[in-house]
Amino acid sequence: MDVVEEIEKSIEQLPSEDRKRLLRDLWVKYESAGDAAWARILEDPAPRPALNAVAEEIEKEIAGGSFKPLKSEDFNR
């Protein structure tokens, strides 16, 4: 049994309230880690031509009144 399987088995044995708390706490921990990664990217002075191009495109759409909400697949260019 690998480590992940051991963890899964242990989680399954937890009382329901403990499982809920664990899931909530893990979500908060890793969600904020993602926010920190974005903060580092946005604060980094290194050029990011692809990100800048998307931002400029959005600014033009907003100014022209044709802005459409972004979808995750819009970033797969």
PDB file of N, CA and C in Angstrom:
ATOM      1  N   MET A   1       0.860  -1.181   0.000  1.00  0.00           N
ATOM      2  CA  MET A   1       0.000   0.000   0.000  1.00  0.00           C
ATOM      3  C   MET A   1       0.898   1.234   0.000  1.00  0.00           C
ATOM      4  N   ASP A   2       0.633   2.163  -0.937  1.00  0.00           N
ATOM      5  CA  ASP A   2       1.445   3.372  -0.965  1.00  0.00           C
ATOM      6  C   ASP A   2       0.904   4.404   0.024  1.00  0.00           C
ATOM      7  N   VAL A   3       1.612   5.496   0.149  1.00  0.00           N
ATOM      8  CA  VAL A   3       1.272   6.513   1.147  1.00  0.00           C
ATOM      9  C   VAL A   3      -0.118   7.090   0.898  1.00  0.00           C
ATOM     10  N   VAL A   4      -0.444   7.366  -0.351  1.00  0.00           N
ATOM     11  CA  VAL A   4      -1.755   7.943  -0.657  1.00  0.00           C
ATOM     12  C   VAL A   4      -2.866   6.992  -0.255  1.00  0.00           C
ATOM     13  N   GLU A   5      -2.698   5.725  -0.540  1.00  0.00           N
ATOM     14  CA  GLU A   5      -3.712   4.733  -0.153  1.00  0.00           C
ATOM     15  C   GLU A   5      -3.846   4.659   1.366  1.00  0.00           C
ATOM     16  N   GLU A   6      -2.734   4.756   2.069  1.00  0.00           N
ATOM     17  CA  GLU A   6      -2.783   4.750   3.537  1.00  0.00           C
ATOM     18  C   GLU A   6      -3.541   5.959   4.058  1.00  0.00           C
ATOM     19  N   ILE A   7      -3.283   7.112   3.458  1.00  0.00           N
ATOM     20  CA  ILE A   7      -3.980   8.332   3.876  1.00  0.00           C
ATOM     21  C   ILE A   7      -5.470   8.207   3.594  1.00  0.00           C
ATOM     22  N   GLU A   8      -5.817   7.723   2.406  1.00  0.00           N
ATOM     23  CA  GLU A   8      -7.230   7.550   2.065  1.00  0.00           C
ATOM     24  C   GLU A   8      -7.927   6.612   3.035  1.00  0.00           C
ATOM     25  N   LYS A   9      -7.259   5.526   3.361  1.00  0.00           N
ATOM     26  CA  LYS A   9      -7.850   4.559   4.301  1.00  0.00           C
ATOM     27  C   LYS A   9      -8.043   5.198   5.678  1.00  0.00           C
ATOM     28  N   SER A  10      -7.068   5.964   6.105  1.00  0.00           N
ATOM     29  CA  SER A  10      -7.176   6.647   7.403  1.00  0.00           C
ATOM     30  C   SER A  10      -8.319   7.652   7.396  1.00  0.00           C
ATOM     31  N   ILE A  11      -8.455   8.396   6.303  1.00  0.00           N
ATOM     32  CA  ILE A  11      -9.530   9.387   6.207  1.00  0.00           C
ATOM     33  C   ILE A  11     -10.894   8.697   6.268  1.00  0.00           C
ATOM     34  N   GLU A  12     -11.022   7.574   5.589  1.00  0.00           N
ATOM     35  CA  GLU A  12     -12.288   6.836   5.595  1.00  0.00           C
ATOM     36  C   GLU A  12     -12.673   6.396   7.008  1.00  0.00           C
ATOM     37  N   GLN A  13     -11.695   6.198   7.868  1.00  0.00           N
ATOM     38  CA  GLN A  13     -11.967   5.729   9.223  1.00  0.00           C
ATOM     39  C   GLN A  13     -12.298   6.871  10.188  1.00  0.00           C
ATOM     40  N   LEU A  14     -12.133   8.095   9.752  1.00  0.00           N
ATOM     41  CA  LEU A  14     -12.438   9.235  10.613  1.00  0.00           C
ATOM     42  C   LEU A  14     -13.940   9.394  10.803  1.00  0.00           C
ATOM     43  N   PRO A  15     -14.339   9.896  11.957  1.00  0.00           N
ATOM     44  CA  PRO A  15     -15.753  10.239  12.133  1.00  0.00           C
ATOM     45  C   PRO A  15     -16.141  11.325  11.120  1.00  0.00           C
ATOM     46  N   SER A  16     -17.389  11.388  10.767  1.00  0.00           N
ATOM     47  CA  SER A  16     -17.879  12.296   9.737  1.00  0.00           C
ATOM     48  C   SER A  16     -17.464  13.749   9.984  1.00  0.00           C
ATOM     49  N   GLU A  17     -17.630  14.229  11.193  1.00  0.00           N
ATOM     50  CA  GLU A  17     -17.286  15.631  11.492  1.00  0.00           C
ATOM     51  C   GLU A  17     -15.791  15.887  11.311  1.00  0.00           C
ATOM     52  N   ASP A  18     -14.960  14.926  11.683  1.00  0.00           N
ATOM     53  CA  ASP A  18     -13.512  15.089  11.499  1.00  0.00           C
ATOM     54  C   ASP A  18     -13.154  15.106  10.013  1.00  0.00           C
ATOM     55  N   ARG A  19     -13.824  14.281   9.210  1.00  0.00           N
ATOM     56  CA  ARG A  19     -13.597  14.275   7.761  1.00  0.00           C
ATOM     57  C   ARG A  19     -13.956  15.626   7.160  1.00  0.00           C
ATOM     58  N   LYS A  20     -15.099  16.162   7.564  1.00  0.00           N
ATOM     59  CA  LYS A  20     -15.535  17.464   7.062  1.00  0.00           C
ATOM     60  C   LYS A  20     -14.520  18.543   7.435  1.00  0.00           C
ATOM     61  N   ARG A  21     -14.067  18.524   8.674  1.00  0.00           N
ATOM     62  CA  ARG A  21     -13.083  19.518   9.123  1.00  0.00           C
ATOM     63  C   ARG A  21     -11.785  19.384   8.340  1.00  0.00           C
ATOM     64  N   LEU A  22     -11.335  18.160   8.139  1.00  0.00           N
ATOM     65  CA  LEU A  22     -10.101  17.918   7.393  1.00  0.00           C
ATOM     66  C   LEU A  22     -10.215  18.455   5.966  1.00  0.00           C
ATOM     67  N   LEU A  23     -11.314  18.140   5.296  1.00  0.00           N
ATOM     68  CA  LEU A  23     -11.509  18.620   3.925  1.00  0.00           C
ATOM     69  C   LEU A  23     -11.551  20.136   3.871  1.00  0.00           C
ATOM     70  N   ARG A  24     -12.240  20.744   4.816  1.00  0.00           N
ATOM     71  CA  ARG A  24     -12.314  22.210   4.855  1.00  0.00           C
ATOM     72  C   ARG A  24     -10.934  22.812   5.081  1.00  0.00           C
ATOM     73  N   ASP A  25     -10.190  22.271   6.036  1.00  0.00           N
ATOM     74  CA  ASP A  25      -8.874  22.812   6.367  1.00  0.00           C
ATOM     75  C   ASP A  25      -7.876  22.613   5.225  1.00  0.00           C
ATOM     76  N   LEU A  26      -7.921  21.452   4.572  1.00  0.00           N
ATOM     77  CA  LEU A  26      -7.023  21.220   3.440  1.00  0.00           C
ATOM     78  C   LEU A  26      -7.356  22.162   2.294  1.00  0.00           C
ATOM     79  N   TRP A  27      -8.651  22.354   2.049  1.00  0.00           N
ATOM     80  CA  TRP A  27      -9.064  23.258   0.978  1.00  0.00           C
ATOM     81  C   TRP A  27      -8.524  24.653   1.238  1.00  0.00           C
ATOM     82  N   VAL A  28      -8.701  25.152   2.442  1.00  0.00           N
ATOM     83  CA  VAL A  28      -8.235  26.497   2.781  1.00  0.00           C
ATOM     84  C   VAL A  28      -6.720  26.585   2.622  1.00  0.00           C
ATOM     85  N   LYS A  29      -6.013  25.581   3.103  1.00  0.00           N
ATOM     86  CA  LYS A  29      -4.552  25.603   3.031  1.00  0.00           C
ATOM     87  C   LYS A  29      -4.067  25.644   1.586  1.00  0.00           C
ATOM     88  N   TYR A  30      -4.597  24.785   0.740  1.00  0.00           N
ATOM     89  CA  TYR A  30      -4.101  24.704  -0.619  1.00  0.00           C
ATOM     90  C   TYR A  30      -4.701  25.763  -1.526  1.00  0.00           C
ATOM     91  N   GLU A  31      -5.892  26.234  -1.218  1.00  0.00           N
ATOM     92  CA  GLU A  31      -6.467  27.334  -1.988  1.00  0.00           C
ATOM     93  C   GLU A  31      -5.634  28.592  -1.763  1.00  0.00           C
ATOM     94  N   SER A  32      -5.257  28.863  -0.529  1.00  0.00           N
ATOM     95  CA  SER A  32      -4.460  30.054  -0.266  1.00  0.00           C
ATOM     96  C   SER A  32      -3.049  29.902  -0.821  1.00  0.00           C
ATOM     97  N   ALA A  33      -2.555  28.671  -0.942  1.00  0.00           N
ATOM     98  CA  ALA A  33      -1.250  28.463  -1.579  1.00  0.00           C
ATOM     99  C   ALA A  33      -1.333  28.866  -3.045  1.00  0.00           C
ATOM    100  N   GLY A  34      -2.460  28.574  -3.692  1.00  0.00           N
ATOM    101  CA  GLY A  34      -2.660  28.992  -5.073  1.00  0.00           C
ATOM    102  C   GLY A  34      -2.711  30.507  -5.197  1.00  0.00           C
ATOM    103  N   ASP A  35      -3.363  31.149  -4.233  1.00  0.00           N
ATOM    104  CA  ASP A  35      -3.412  32.610  -4.224  1.00  0.00           C
ATOM    105  C   ASP A  35      -2.013  33.190  -4.071  1.00  0.00           C
ATOM    106  N   ALA A  36      -1.203  32.568  -3.237  1.00  0.00           N
ATOM    107  CA  ALA A  36       0.164  33.042  -3.032  1.00  0.00           C
ATOM    108  C   ALA A  36       0.980  32.917  -4.312  1.00  0.00           C
ATOM    109  N   ALA A  37       0.758  31.839  -5.054  1.00  0.00           N
ATOM    110  CA  ALA A  37       1.476  31.658  -6.317  1.00  0.00           C
ATOM    111  C   ALA A  37       1.105  32.759  -7.299  1.00  0.00           C
ATOM    112  N   TRP A  38      -0.197  33.084  -7.390  1.00  0.00           N
ATOM    113  CA  TRP A  38      -0.614  34.171  -8.276  1.00  0.00           C
ATOM    114  C   TRP A  38      -0.042  35.499  -7.804  1.00  0.00           C
ATOM    115  N   ALA A  39      -0.012  35.723  -6.508  1.00  0.00           N
ATOM    116  CA  ALA A  39       0.551  36.975  -5.984  1.00  0.00           C
ATOM    117  C   ALA A  39       2.013  37.106  -6.391  1.00  0.00           C
ATOM    118  N   ARG A  40       2.771  36.011  -6.314  1.00  0.00           N
ATOM    119  CA  ARG A  40       4.186  36.051  -6.725  1.00  0.00           C
ATOM    120  C   ARG A  40       4.311  36.389  -8.208  1.00  0.00           C
ATOM    121  N   ILE A  41       3.457  35.796  -9.023  1.00  0.00           N
ATOM    122  CA  ILE A  41       3.498  36.070 -10.460  1.00  0.00           C
ATOM    123  C   ILE A  41       3.184  37.540 -10.734  1.00  0.00           C
ATOM    124  N   LEU A  42       2.128  38.044 -10.104  1.00  0.00           N
ATOM    125  CA  LEU A  42       1.710  39.421 -10.355  1.00  0.00           C
ATOM    126  C   LEU A  42       2.708  40.448  -9.827  1.00  0.00           C
ATOM    127  N   GLU A  43       3.417  40.113  -8.763  1.00  0.00           N
ATOM    128  CA  GLU A  43       4.389  41.040  -8.178  1.00  0.00           C
ATOM    129  C   GLU A  43       5.766  40.940  -8.832  1.00  0.00           C
ATOM    130  N   ASP A  44       6.003  39.876  -9.574  1.00  0.00           N
ATOM    131  CA  ASP A  44       7.293  39.659 -10.224  1.00  0.00           C
ATOM    132  C   ASP A  44       7.433  40.642 -11.390  1.00  0.00           C
ATOM    133  N   PRO A  45       8.526  41.404 -11.433  1.00  0.00           N
ATOM    134  CA  PRO A  45       8.686  42.379 -12.513  1.00  0.00           C
ATOM    135  C   PRO A  45       9.076  41.756 -13.858  1.00  0.00           C
ATOM    136  N   ALA A  46       9.307  40.457 -13.905  1.00  0.00           N
ATOM    137  CA  ALA A  46       9.699  39.801 -15.153  1.00  0.00           C
ATOM    138  C   ALA A  46       8.607  39.975 -16.208  1.00  0.00           C
ATOM    139  N   PRO A  47       8.996  40.194 -17.465  1.00  0.00           N
ATOM    140  CA  PRO A  47       7.991  40.332 -18.527  1.00  0.00           C
ATOM    141  C   PRO A  47       7.166  39.055 -18.684  1.00  0.00           C
ATOM    142  N   ARG A  48       5.893  39.217 -18.885  1.00  0.00           N
ATOM    143  CA  ARG A  48       4.976  38.098 -19.123  1.00  0.00           C
ATOM    144  C   ARG A  48       4.115  38.454 -20.328  1.00  0.00           C
ATOM    145  N   PRO A  49       4.696  38.308 -21.538  1.00  0.00           N
ATOM    146  CA  PRO A  49       3.995  38.750 -22.747  1.00  0.00           C
ATOM    147  C   PRO A  49       2.622  38.116 -22.941  1.00  0.00           C
ATOM    148  N   ALA A  50       2.474  36.836 -22.666  1.00  0.00           N
ATOM    149  CA  ALA A  50       1.180  36.173 -22.877  1.00  0.00           C
ATOM    150  C   ALA A  50       0.128  36.724 -21.920  1.00  0.00           C
ATOM    151  N   LEU A  51       0.499  36.906 -20.663  1.00  0.00           N
ATOM    152  CA  LEU A  51      -0.434  37.456 -19.673  1.00  0.00           C
ATOM    153  C   LEU A  51      -0.780  38.898 -20.023  1.00  0.00           C
ATOM    154  N   ASN A  52       0.211  39.667 -20.441  1.00  0.00           N
ATOM    155  CA  ASN A  52      -0.039  41.052 -20.843  1.00  0.00           C
ATOM    156  C   ASN A  52      -0.968  41.111 -22.047  1.00  0.00           C
ATOM    157  N   ALA A  53      -0.796  40.213 -23.014  1.00  0.00           N
ATOM    158  CA  ALA A  53      -1.647  40.198 -24.204  1.00  0.00           C
ATOM    159  C   ALA A  53      -3.102  39.930 -23.827  1.00  0.00           C
ATOM    160  N   VAL A  54      -3.320  39.008 -22.918  1.00  0.00           N
ATOM    161  CA  VAL A  54      -4.691  38.710 -22.479  1.00  0.00           C
ATOM    162  C   VAL A  54      -5.280  39.928 -21.767  1.00  0.00           C
ATOM    163  N   ALA A  55      -4.499  40.562 -20.907  1.00  0.00           N
ATOM    164  CA  ALA A  55      -4.984  41.746 -20.189  1.00  0.00           C
ATOM    165  C   ALA A  55      -5.328  42.872 -21.161  1.00  0.00           C
ATOM    166  N   GLU A  56      -4.481  43.086 -22.167  1.00  0.00           N
ATOM    167  CA  GLU A  56      -4.750  44.133 -23.153  1.00  0.00           C
ATOM    168  C   GLU A  56      -6.012  43.828 -23.962  1.00  0.00           C
ATOM    169  N   GLU A  57      -6.204  42.568 -24.312  1.00  0.00           N
ATOM    170  CA  GLU A  57      -7.400  42.164 -25.045  1.00  0.00           C
ATOM    171  C   GLU A  57      -8.659  42.430 -24.218  1.00  0.00           C
ATOM    172  N   ILE A  58      -8.589  42.107 -22.944  1.00  0.00           N
ATOM    173  CA  ILE A  58      -9.738  42.328 -22.054  1.00  0.00           C
ATOM    174  C   ILE A  58     -10.016  43.829 -21.917  1.00  0.00           C
ATOM    175  N   GLU A  59      -8.961  44.624 -21.761  1.00  0.00           N
ATOM    176  CA  GLU A  59      -9.146  46.072 -21.635  1.00  0.00           C
ATOM    177  C   GLU A  59      -9.826  46.647 -22.875  1.00  0.00           C
ATOM    178  N   LYS A  60      -9.444  46.177 -24.078  1.00  0.00           N
ATOM    179  CA  LYS A  60     -10.072  46.644 -25.319  1.00  0.00           C
ATOM    180  C   LYS A  60     -11.549  46.240 -25.359  1.00  0.00           C
ATOM    181  N   GLU A  61     -11.850  45.013 -24.951  1.00  0.00           N
ATOM    182  CA  GLU A  61     -13.238  44.546 -24.954  1.00  0.00           C
ATOM    183  C   GLU A  61     -14.084  45.342 -23.972  1.00  0.00           C
ATOM    184  N   ILE A  62     -13.539  45.623 -22.803  1.00  0.00           N
ATOM    185  CA  ILE A  62     -14.268  46.410 -21.798  1.00  0.00           C
ATOM    186  C   ILE A  62     -14.534  47.806 -22.351  1.00  0.00           C
ATOM    187  N   ALA A  63     -13.499  48.442 -22.918  1.00  0.00           N
ATOM    188  CA  ALA A  63     -13.641  49.791 -23.467  1.00  0.00           C
ATOM    189  C   ALA A  63     -14.653  49.812 -24.610  1.00  0.00           C
ATOM    190  N   GLY A  64     -14.694  48.752 -25.405  1.00  0.00           N
ATOM    191  CA  GLY A  64     -15.620  48.685 -26.534  1.00  0.00           C
ATOM    192  C   GLY A  64     -16.997  48.149 -26.190  1.00  0.00           C
ATOM    193  N   GLY A  65     -17.192  47.744 -24.947  1.00  0.00           N
ATOM    194  CA  GLY A  65     -18.496  47.234 -24.514  1.00  0.00           C
ATOM    195  C   GLY A  65     -18.789  45.822 -24.961  1.00  0.00           C
ATOM    196  N   SER A  66     -17.757  45.092 -25.401  1.00  0.00           N
ATOM    197  CA  SER A  66     -18.009  43.731 -25.880  1.00  0.00           C
ATOM    198  C   SER A  66     -17.379  42.657 -24.984  1.00  0.00           C
ATOM    199  N   PHE A  67     -17.065  43.015 -23.753  1.00  0.00           N
ATOM    200  CA  PHE A  67     -16.410  42.057 -22.847  1.00  0.00           C
ATOM    201  C   PHE A  67     -17.320  40.880 -22.556  1.00  0.00           C
ATOM    202  N   LYS A  68     -16.778  39.675 -22.705  1.00  0.00           N
ATOM    203  CA  LYS A  68     -17.487  38.443 -22.352  1.00  0.00           C
ATOM    204  C   LYS A  68     -16.712  37.785 -21.217  1.00  0.00           C
ATOM    205  N   PRO A  69     -17.397  37.203 -20.240  1.00  0.00           N
ATOM    206  CA  PRO A  69     -16.685  36.532 -19.143  1.00  0.00           C
ATOM    207  C   PRO A  69     -15.720  35.479 -19.684  1.00  0.00           C
ATOM    208  N   LEU A  70     -14.579  35.367 -19.029  1.00  0.00           N
ATOM    209  CA  LEU A  70     -13.562  34.401 -19.443  1.00  0.00           C
ATOM    210  C   LEU A  70     -13.921  32.996 -18.988  1.00  0.00           C
ATOM    211  N   LYS A  71     -13.487  32.021 -19.772  1.00  0.00           N
ATOM    212  CA  LYS A  71     -13.622  30.622 -19.410  1.00  0.00           C
ATOM    213  C   LYS A  71     -12.211  30.065 -19.274  1.00  0.00           C
ATOM    214  N   SER A  72     -12.055  28.998 -18.521  1.00  0.00           N
ATOM    215  CA  SER A  72     -10.716  28.438 -18.309  1.00  0.00           C
ATOM    216  C   SER A  72     -10.030  28.073 -19.621  1.00  0.00           C
ATOM    217  N   GLU A  73     -10.801  27.615 -20.627  1.00  0.00           N
ATOM    218  CA  GLU A  73     -10.182  27.234 -21.895  1.00  0.00           C
ATOM    219  C   GLU A  73      -9.626  28.433 -22.666  1.00  0.00           C
ATOM    220  N   ASP A  74     -10.047  29.656 -22.287  1.00  0.00           N
ATOM    221  CA  ASP A  74      -9.501  30.847 -22.925  1.00  0.00           C
ATOM    222  C   ASP A  74      -8.005  31.005 -22.644  1.00  0.00           C
ATOM    223  N   PHE A  75      -7.526  30.353 -21.616  1.00  0.00           N
ATOM    224  CA  PHE A  75      -6.118  30.472 -21.236  1.00  0.00           C
ATOM    225  C   PHE A  75      -5.256  29.365 -21.842  1.00  0.00           C
ATOM    226  N   ASN A  76      -5.814  28.539 -22.689  1.00  0.00           N
ATOM    227  CA  ASN A  76      -5.082  27.438 -23.309  1.00  0.00           C
ATOM    228  C   ASN A  76      -4.507  27.818 -24.666  1.00  0.00           C
ATOM    229  N   ARG A  77      -4.343  29.071 -24.896  1.00  0.00           N
ATOM    230  CA  ARG A  77      -3.801  29.522 -26.187  1.00  0.00           C
ATOM    231  C   ARG A  77      -2.311  29.418 -26.209  1.00  0.00           C
TER     232      ARG A  77
END
